[in-house]
Protein backbone atom coordinates (compact mmCIF):
# COMPACT_ATOMS: atom_id res chain seq x y z
CA MET A 1 0.00 0.00 0.00
CA GLY A 2 2.87 2.36 0.74
CA GLY A 3 4.27 1.92 -2.77
CA ILE A 4 1.02 3.04 -4.39
CA LEU A 5 0.77 6.10 -2.14
CA TYR A 6 4.41 6.98 -2.84
CA THR A 7 3.78 6.66 -6.59
CA ILE A 8 0.75 8.97 -6.37
CA ILE A 9 2.65 11.58 -4.34
CA ILE A 10 5.69 11.57 -6.63
CA GLY A 11 3.41 11.66 -9.68
CA ALA A 12 1.59 14.66 -8.25
CA VAL A 13 4.85 16.52 -7.54
CA ILE A 14 6.30 15.82 -10.99
CA GLY A 15 3.01 16.68 -12.71
CA VAL A 16 2.63 19.99 -10.84
CA LEU A 17 6.24 20.97 -11.54
CA ALA A 18 5.85 20.09 -15.24
CA ARG A 19 2.72 22.24 -15.47
CA PHE A 20 4.55 25.05 -13.65
CA PHE A 21 7.55 25.04 -16.01
CA LYS A 22 5.58 24.67 -19.25
CA PRO A 23 4.32 28.00 -20.58
CA GLY A 24 0.62 28.49 -21.26
CA ALA A 25 -2.57 27.31 -19.64
CA ASP A 26 -3.14 23.59 -19.23
CA PRO A 27 -6.81 22.93 -18.48
CA MET A 28 -6.57 19.57 -16.70
CA GLY A 29 -7.61 18.37 -13.28
CA TRP A 30 -5.65 16.81 -10.47
CA ILE A 31 -6.17 13.24 -11.65
CA LEU A 32 -4.73 13.97 -15.10
CA THR A 33 -1.88 15.91 -13.46
CA ILE A 34 -1.03 12.90 -11.27
CA LEU A 35 -1.26 10.52 -14.24
CA LEU A 36 0.96 12.87 -16.25
CA GLY A 37 3.55 12.87 -13.47
CA ILE A 38 3.45 9.08 -13.10
CA ALA A 39 3.87 8.64 -16.87
CA GLY A 40 6.71 11.18 -16.92
CA ALA A 41 8.45 9.37 -14.06
CA TYR A 42 8.05 6.02 -15.79
CA ILE A 43 9.43 7.29 -19.10
CA GLY A 44 12.22 9.10 -17.26
CA SER A 45 13.19 5.88 -15.49
CA LEU A 46 13.71 4.27 -18.90
CA PHE A 47 16.41 6.86 -19.66
CA VAL A 48 18.10 7.16 -16.25
CA LYS A 49 18.72 4.19 -14.00
CA GLY A 50 19.06 4.71 -10.26
CA GLY A 51 16.97 7.85 -9.85
CA GLY A 52 18.42 10.66 -7.76
CA VAL A 53 18.33 14.31 -8.73
CA ILE A 54 19.13 13.62 -12.39
CA GLY A 55 16.32 11.06 -12.59
CA PHE A 56 13.89 13.54 -11.03
CA ILE A 57 14.86 16.27 -13.52
CA VAL A 58 14.58 13.86 -16.47
CA SER A 59 11.14 12.80 -15.20
CA ILE A 60 9.99 16.43 -15.15
CA VAL A 61 11.32 17.00 -18.67
CA CYS A 62 9.51 13.87 -19.89
CA ALA A 63 6.29 15.10 -18.24
CA ILE A 64 6.70 18.48 -19.99
CA VAL A 65 7.06 16.68 -23.34
CA LEU A 66 3.91 14.68 -22.53
CA LEU A 67 2.14 17.97 -21.77
CA PHE A 68 3.03 19.30 -25.22
CA ILE A 69 1.74 16.06 -26.79
CA TYR A 70 -1.47 16.26 -24.72
CA GLU A 71 -1.99 19.89 -25.75
CA PHE A 72 -1.41 19.02 -29.44
CA ILE A 73 -3.87 16.12 -29.36
CA ARG A 74 -6.44 18.15 -27.45
CA SER A 75 -6.25 21.04 -29.92
CA LYS A 76 -6.76 18.64 -32.86
CA THR A 77 -9.81 16.98 -31.33
CA ALA A 78 -11.47 20.14 -29.96
CA LYS A 79 -14.33 21.42 -32.05
CA PRO A 80 -14.53 25.18 -32.71
CA ALA A 81 -17.27 27.06 -30.89
CA ALA A 82 -20.22 28.05 -33.03
């Protein structure tokens, strides 16, 4: 149970920091922010083994890249207002 809680907390921290460092408004809730952070941490762990400060920074950068991808997909699927 502690591992799941730790994953959620780290995902939230990475997701919030990624949204803070990326310019522009990102209209997403807390659940998507946590999922973004968890995905960024997972992808970052594929590049850096062992974690530490470098792993944390790489995880944030991966989450920022995922934010850009999310924003691109969302803009393509959004319908213009009438």
